[in-house]
Amino acid sequence: MINRILLASVLSAFALRGVANAQAGSGTIGVTATVQGSILLTFVTDGSGLAVTGTTTSAASLPFGAVQMFGGSVPANVTKTINGLLSFDLSTPFDVRVDLANSPSATYILTAVLATADPVNVWTLGGSNISPSGTPTNIDATGAYATPTAYTLKLHVPATAAPGLISNSIAFTATAN
């Protein structure tokens, strides 16, 4: 038993000697970050408008579905206006929400541009014709952040238009004032 105690004492002494001779190191790391202002633009279903596919995202769509000038039906919250025998309009509101971070800007400018020029149909957004492609149209010069704002899209289709799919995209840009 004494041998065991003696052996344990010797081993403990060696172990403590190893700890006393242990090497240590230290260091620091510097951290830098440059915070930049940013804007998030999302599309939201308006309470009185067609349901936006992809609501609360930056890539959404307005699916009007199959429509016709005479007869037929239109989706809920879409207005169809027949202009005599010459044309018909489809219109619906949808909301655009713009959020801001890390910027002192109080308002933003919202522009929209049709991806591909449409020589047949007339695309109107918030009362502005956006049918010509390539040139952004000012839709709102003093938009308010963090508030969904309603804009009405109107698609004017002449009676002389060929039947088939109407498909296009509208690119929106919000720029801090």
Protein backbone atom coordinates (compact mmCIF):
# COMPACT_ATOMS: atom_id res chain seq x y z
CA MET A 1 0.00 0.00 0.00
CA ILE A 2 2.87 2.35 0.84
CA ASN A 3 4.43 1.56 -2.52
CA ARG A 4 1.21 2.63 -4.22
CA ILE A 5 1.08 5.89 -2.31
CA LEU A 6 4.74 6.53 -3.04
CA LEU A 7 4.22 5.73 -6.74
CA ALA A 8 1.18 8.03 -6.92
CA SER A 9 3.14 10.84 -5.28
CA VAL A 10 6.06 10.48 -7.70
CA LEU A 11 3.75 10.38 -10.73
CA SER A 12 1.86 13.44 -9.48
CA ALA A 13 5.11 15.33 -9.06
CA PHE A 14 6.14 14.53 -12.65
CA ALA A 15 2.72 15.55 -13.93
CA LEU A 16 2.85 18.88 -12.10
CA ARG A 17 6.37 19.49 -13.37
CA GLY A 18 5.06 19.02 -16.97
CA VAL A 19 2.28 21.56 -16.37
CA ALA A 20 4.70 24.02 -14.87
CA ASN A 21 6.85 23.81 -18.00
CA ALA A 22 3.90 24.04 -20.49
CA GLN A 23 4.26 26.64 -23.24
CA ALA A 24 1.56 29.30 -23.84
CA GLY A 25 0.85 31.61 -26.72
CA SER A 26 -1.57 34.43 -27.36
CA GLY A 27 -2.65 36.65 -30.20
CA THR A 28 -5.22 39.12 -31.40
CA ILE A 29 -7.23 39.51 -34.56
CA GLY A 30 -8.37 42.82 -35.98
CA VAL A 31 -11.85 43.12 -37.44
CA THR A 32 -13.00 45.69 -39.98
CA ALA A 33 -16.22 46.10 -41.89
CA THR A 34 -17.51 48.86 -44.14
CA VAL A 35 -21.25 49.18 -43.71
CA GLN A 36 -23.04 50.37 -46.83
CA GLY A 37 -26.61 51.49 -47.24
CA SER A 38 -28.94 49.03 -48.91
CA ILE A 39 -32.46 48.91 -50.32
CA LEU A 40 -34.86 45.97 -50.50
CA LEU A 41 -37.76 46.17 -52.99
CA THR A 42 -40.56 43.61 -52.70
CA PHE A 43 -43.95 43.09 -54.33
CA VAL A 44 -47.02 42.54 -52.17
CA THR A 45 -50.60 41.56 -52.97
CA ASP A 46 -52.81 44.63 -52.62
CA GLY A 47 -55.98 44.03 -50.62
CA SER A 48 -58.11 44.99 -53.63
CA GLY A 49 -55.86 43.49 -56.31
CA LEU A 50 -55.05 40.25 -58.06
CA ALA A 51 -53.05 37.84 -55.89
CA VAL A 52 -49.36 38.36 -56.62
CA THR A 53 -47.52 35.10 -57.17
CA GLY A 54 -44.36 35.41 -55.09
CA THR A 55 -45.79 38.06 -52.77
CA THR A 56 -43.21 39.59 -50.38
CA THR A 57 -40.36 38.72 -52.76
CA SER A 58 -38.38 40.72 -55.31
CA ALA A 59 -39.39 38.41 -58.17
CA ALA A 60 -43.15 38.11 -58.51
CA SER A 61 -45.84 37.84 -61.20
CA LEU A 62 -49.41 38.87 -61.92
CA PRO A 63 -51.14 35.87 -63.54
CA PHE A 64 -54.19 37.24 -65.40
CA GLY A 65 -54.84 33.83 -66.96
CA ALA A 66 -57.01 33.32 -70.05
CA VAL A 67 -58.99 36.45 -70.90
CA GLN A 68 -61.10 37.64 -73.81
CA MET A 69 -62.65 40.86 -74.93
CA PHE A 70 -66.24 39.63 -75.13
CA GLY A 71 -67.64 37.25 -72.57
CA GLY A 72 -65.49 35.03 -70.43
CA SER A 73 -64.45 35.89 -66.93
CA VAL A 74 -61.58 37.67 -65.28
CA PRO A 75 -59.81 36.73 -62.06
CA ALA A 76 -61.00 38.18 -58.76
CA ASN A 77 -59.92 41.78 -58.23
CA VAL A 78 -59.14 42.40 -61.89
CA THR A 79 -61.14 45.03 -63.73
CA LYS A 80 -61.96 44.50 -67.40
CA THR A 81 -63.10 47.53 -69.35
CA ILE A 82 -64.40 47.14 -72.89
CA ASN A 83 -63.75 50.20 -75.06
CA GLY A 84 -66.51 49.82 -77.64
CA LEU A 85 -65.42 47.48 -80.43
CA LEU A 86 -61.84 48.77 -80.47
CA SER A 87 -60.09 47.33 -77.41
CA PHE A 88 -60.28 46.17 -73.82
CA ASP A 89 -58.28 46.93 -70.69
CA LEU A 90 -57.29 44.70 -67.80
CA SER A 91 -56.21 46.45 -64.63
CA THR A 92 -55.34 45.55 -61.07
CA PRO A 93 -53.49 47.21 -58.20
CA PHE A 94 -50.47 45.62 -56.55
CA ASP A 95 -48.18 46.98 -53.86
CA VAL A 96 -44.49 47.80 -53.93
CA ARG A 97 -42.68 47.96 -50.60
CA VAL A 98 -39.21 49.50 -50.32
CA ASP A 99 -37.14 49.07 -47.17
CA LEU A 100 -33.93 50.90 -46.33
CA ALA A 101 -31.01 50.09 -44.05
CA ASN A 102 -27.95 52.08 -43.03
CA SER A 103 -28.77 55.23 -44.95
CA PRO A 104 -30.06 58.69 -44.00
CA SER A 105 -32.33 58.84 -47.08
CA ALA A 106 -35.89 59.96 -46.28
CA THR A 107 -37.50 59.00 -49.62
CA TYR A 108 -36.76 57.14 -52.83
CA ILE A 109 -37.38 57.46 -56.57
CA LEU A 110 -39.17 54.50 -58.14
CA THR A 111 -38.71 53.80 -61.85
CA ALA A 112 -40.08 51.05 -64.06
CA VAL A 113 -39.13 49.80 -67.49
CA LEU A 114 -40.76 47.17 -69.69
CA ALA A 115 -38.26 44.42 -70.53
CA THR A 116 -39.32 44.12 -74.16
CA ALA A 117 -41.04 46.84 -76.17
CA ASP A 118 -44.63 45.92 -77.00
CA PRO A 119 -45.72 47.37 -80.36
CA VAL A 120 -49.27 45.98 -80.00
CA ASN A 121 -50.44 46.44 -76.41
CA VAL A 122 -50.14 49.48 -74.16
CA TRP A 123 -48.76 48.92 -70.66
CA THR A 124 -49.60 51.64 -68.12
CA LEU A 125 -48.28 51.72 -64.58
CA GLY A 126 -49.56 54.33 -62.16
CA GLY A 127 -50.87 56.36 -65.09
CA SER A 128 -47.55 56.32 -66.99
CA ASN A 129 -47.11 54.53 -70.30
CA ILE A 130 -44.19 52.11 -69.94
CA SER A 131 -44.69 50.34 -73.31
CA PRO A 132 -41.50 51.67 -74.94
CA SER A 133 -38.63 49.47 -73.79
CA GLY A 134 -35.25 50.65 -72.66
CA THR A 135 -36.13 53.93 -70.99
CA PRO A 136 -37.04 53.85 -67.29
CA THR A 137 -40.18 55.80 -66.42
CA ASN A 138 -40.46 57.67 -63.13
CA ILE A 139 -43.37 56.20 -61.21
CA ASP A 140 -42.83 57.91 -57.84
CA ALA A 141 -40.38 60.73 -57.03
CA THR A 142 -40.83 60.69 -53.24
CA GLY A 143 -41.68 57.14 -52.20
CA ALA A 144 -42.02 56.40 -48.50
CA TYR A 145 -39.94 53.59 -47.01
CA ALA A 146 -41.35 50.61 -45.11
CA THR A 147 -44.88 51.18 -46.42
CA PRO A 148 -46.55 49.14 -49.16
CA THR A 149 -47.63 51.58 -51.88
CA ALA A 150 -50.33 50.62 -54.39
CA TYR A 151 -49.73 51.02 -58.13
CA THR A 152 -52.23 50.00 -60.77
CA LEU A 153 -51.07 48.04 -63.79
CA LYS A 154 -53.29 48.46 -66.84
CA LEU A 155 -52.85 46.35 -69.95
CA HIS A 156 -54.62 47.79 -73.01
CA VAL A 157 -55.29 45.14 -75.68
CA PRO A 158 -56.61 46.21 -79.10
CA ALA A 159 -59.34 44.13 -80.77
CA THR A 160 -56.97 43.68 -83.73
CA ALA A 161 -54.33 41.89 -81.61
CA ALA A 162 -53.73 38.27 -82.57
CA PRO A 163 -54.84 35.67 -80.03
CA GLY A 164 -52.08 34.16 -77.95
CA LEU A 165 -49.91 34.66 -74.92
CA ILE A 166 -49.01 38.17 -73.73
CA SER A 167 -45.90 37.92 -71.62
CA ASN A 168 -43.41 40.55 -70.49
CA SER A 169 -41.55 41.72 -67.40
CA ILE A 170 -41.36 45.08 -65.70
CA ALA A 171 -38.08 45.95 -64.00
CA PHE A 172 -38.44 48.26 -61.00
CA THR A 173 -35.62 50.28 -59.47
CA ALA A 174 -35.77 52.18 -56.19
CA THR A 175 -33.03 54.78 -55.75
CA ALA A 176 -32.47 56.60 -52.48
CA ASN A 177 -32.99 60.39 -52.63
